[in-house]
C-alpha atoms as a PDB file:
ATOM      1  CA  MET A   1      -0.631   0.110  -0.069  1.00  0.00           C
ATOM      2  CA  ARG A   2       3.119   2.433   0.743  1.00  0.00           C
ATOM      3  CA  ARG A   3       4.479   2.024  -2.610  1.00  0.00           C
ATOM      4  CA  SER A   4       1.294   2.514  -4.114  1.00  0.00           C
ATOM      5  CA  LEU A   5       0.089   5.774  -2.471  1.00  0.00           C
ATOM      6  CA  ILE A   6       4.083   6.791  -3.437  1.00  0.00           C
ATOM      7  CA  ASP A   7       3.473   5.843  -7.317  1.00  0.00           C
ATOM      8  CA  LEU A   8      -0.205   8.005  -6.505  1.00  0.00           C
ATOM      9  CA  PHE A   9       1.725  11.329  -5.429  1.00  0.00           C
ATOM     10  CA  GLU A  10       4.702  10.763  -7.437  1.00  0.00           C
ATOM     11  CA  LEU A  11       6.770  11.163  -3.807  1.00  0.00           C
ATOM     12  CA  PRO A  12      10.529  10.329  -3.988  1.00  0.00           C
ATOM     13  CA  LYS A  13      10.942   6.840  -2.967  1.00  0.00           C
ATOM     14  CA  ASP A  14      14.257   7.348  -1.963  1.00  0.00           C
ATOM     15  CA  VAL A  15      13.538   9.527   0.956  1.00  0.00           C
ATOM     16  CA  ILE A  16       9.890   7.991   1.803  1.00  0.00           C
ATOM     17  CA  LEU A  17      11.525   4.317   1.889  1.00  0.00           C
ATOM     18  CA  ASP A  18      14.990   5.104   2.642  1.00  0.00           C
ATOM     19  CA  LEU A  19      16.375   3.625   0.180  1.00  0.00           C
ATOM     20  CA  PRO A  20      19.971   4.178  -1.056  1.00  0.00           C
ATOM     21  CA  ARG A  21      20.874   6.734  -3.941  1.00  0.00           C
ATOM     22  CA  LEU A  22      23.808   6.466  -6.382  1.00  0.00           C
ATOM     23  CA  THR A  23      25.490   8.986  -8.599  1.00  0.00           C
ATOM     24  CA  VAL A  24      27.778   7.112 -11.209  1.00  0.00           C
ATOM     25  CA  LEU A  25      30.265   9.601 -13.150  1.00  0.00           C
ATOM     26  CA  GLY A  26      31.941   6.912 -15.308  1.00  0.00           C
ATOM     27  CA  ARG A  27      34.260   4.518 -13.592  1.00  0.00           C
ATOM     28  CA  GLU A  28      35.953   7.219 -11.477  1.00  0.00           C
ATOM     29  CA  GLN A  29      33.305   8.684  -9.126  1.00  0.00           C
ATOM     30  CA  LEU A  30      30.346   7.550  -6.912  1.00  0.00           C
ATOM     31  CA  MET A  31      28.442   9.320  -4.814  1.00  0.00           C
ATOM     32  CA  ILE A  32      25.716   7.617  -2.233  1.00  0.00           C
ATOM     33  CA  GLU A  33      23.421   8.887  -0.491  1.00  0.00           C
ATOM     34  CA  ASN A  34      21.097   7.553   2.914  1.00  0.00           C
ATOM     35  CA  HIS A  35      24.136   5.332   3.597  1.00  0.00           C
ATOM     36  CA  ARG A  36      24.417   3.552   7.227  1.00  0.00           C
ATOM     37  CA  GLY A  37      27.854   4.146   7.501  1.00  0.00           C
ATOM     38  CA  ILE A  38      30.767   1.757   5.777  1.00  0.00           C
ATOM     39  CA  ALA A  39      31.311  -1.937   6.994  1.00  0.00           C
ATOM     40  CA  HIS A  40      35.080  -2.612   5.498  1.00  0.00           C
ATOM     41  CA  PHE A  41      37.114  -0.550   3.372  1.00  0.00           C
ATOM     42  CA  ASP A  42      40.440  -1.103   1.456  1.00  0.00           C
ATOM     43  CA  ALA A  43      42.175   0.505  -1.934  1.00  0.00           C
ATOM     44  CA  GLY A  44      40.256  -2.551  -3.671  1.00  0.00           C
ATOM     45  CA  CYS A  45      36.650  -3.244  -1.517  1.00  0.00           C
ATOM     46  CA  VAL A  46      34.553  -0.564  -0.004  1.00  0.00           C
ATOM     47  CA  VAL A  47      31.120  -2.577   1.806  1.00  0.00           C
ATOM     48  CA  VAL A  48      28.671   0.141   3.054  1.00  0.00           C
ATOM     49  CA  GLY A  49      25.489  -0.747   5.028  1.00  0.00           C
ATOM     50  CA  PHE A  50      21.973   0.403   4.136  1.00  0.00           C
ATOM     51  CA  ARG A  51      19.082  -0.115   5.695  1.00  0.00           C
ATOM     52  CA  ARG A  52      17.985  -3.288   4.072  1.00  0.00           C
ATOM     53  CA  GLY A  53      21.572  -4.584   3.078  1.00  0.00           C
ATOM     54  CA  GLN A  54      24.829  -3.383   2.200  1.00  0.00           C
ATOM     55  CA  MET A  55      26.823  -2.729  -1.448  1.00  0.00           C
ATOM     56  CA  ARG A  56      29.980  -4.179  -2.209  1.00  0.00           C
ATOM     57  CA  ILE A  57      32.021  -1.803  -4.825  1.00  0.00           C
ATOM     58  CA  VAL A  58      35.438  -3.317  -6.243  1.00  0.00           C
ATOM     59  CA  GLY A  59      38.543  -1.485  -8.107  1.00  0.00           C
ATOM     60  CA  GLN A  60      41.560  -0.536  -8.131  1.00  0.00           C
ATOM     61  CA  ASP A  61      42.856   2.410  -5.952  1.00  0.00           C
ATOM     62  CA  LEU A  62      39.490   3.506  -4.157  1.00  0.00           C
ATOM     63  CA  ARG A  63      39.684   6.046  -1.627  1.00  0.00           C
ATOM     64  CA  ILE A  64      36.718   8.345   0.401  1.00  0.00           C
ATOM     65  CA  THR A  65      36.892  11.302  -0.775  1.00  0.00           C
ATOM     66  CA  SER A  66      34.495  13.326   1.823  1.00  0.00           C
ATOM     67  CA  ILE A  67      32.114  11.343   3.813  1.00  0.00           C
ATOM     68  CA  ASP A  68      29.317  12.484   6.156  1.00  0.00           C
ATOM     69  CA  ASP A  69      25.761  11.341   7.678  1.00  0.00           C
ATOM     70  CA  GLU A  70      24.134  11.473   4.400  1.00  0.00           C
ATOM     71  CA  GLU A  71      26.249  11.304   1.600  1.00  0.00           C
ATOM     72  CA  ILE A  72      30.113   9.385   0.936  1.00  0.00           C
ATOM     73  CA  LEU A  73      32.147   9.926  -2.539  1.00  0.00           C
ATOM     74  CA  LEU A  74      34.206   7.701  -3.293  1.00  0.00           C
ATOM     75  CA  ASN A  75      36.872   8.260  -5.930  1.00  0.00           C
ATOM     76  CA  GLY A  76      39.249   5.410  -8.420  1.00  0.00           C
ATOM     77  CA  SER A  77      38.994   3.073 -10.744  1.00  0.00           C
ATOM     78  CA  ILE A  78      35.306   1.306 -10.237  1.00  0.00           C
ATOM     79  CA  ASP A  79      34.886  -2.679 -11.454  1.00  0.00           C
ATOM     80  CA  SER A  80      31.491  -3.278 -10.122  1.00  0.00           C
ATOM     81  CA  ILE A  81      29.004  -2.629  -8.003  1.00  0.00           C
ATOM     82  CA  ALA A  82      26.937  -5.471  -5.999  1.00  0.00           C
ATOM     83  CA  PHE A  83      23.702  -4.733  -3.781  1.00  0.00           C
ATOM     84  CA  SER A  84      22.989  -8.144  -1.013  1.00  0.00           C
ATOM     85  CA  PRO A  85      20.113  -8.065   1.095  1.00  0.00           C
ATOM     86  CA  GLY A  86      19.865  -7.547   4.337  1.00  0.00           C
ATOM     87  CA  ARG A  87      17.753  -8.452   7.557  1.00  0.00           C
ATOM     88  CA  GLY A  88      14.276  -6.793   8.263  1.00  0.00           C
END
């Protein structure tokens, strides 16, 4: 029912459902919004938590350019982005 109301009133799904929002610029930069923190970080892999799971970013020379409560800016050579569901 919640999704039907969101569609009916054209509300932003990422805000209402607390979904992650990703902005990818080529293979060089990734902005992640609505995160729950970093679970793992090294130059080849970053794991970011979300309300309903995690996201794994794999690449080379990965570095966190900025991070705050709302967004993470990641730079480097990004090879893949994969989601895994969480509990709840």
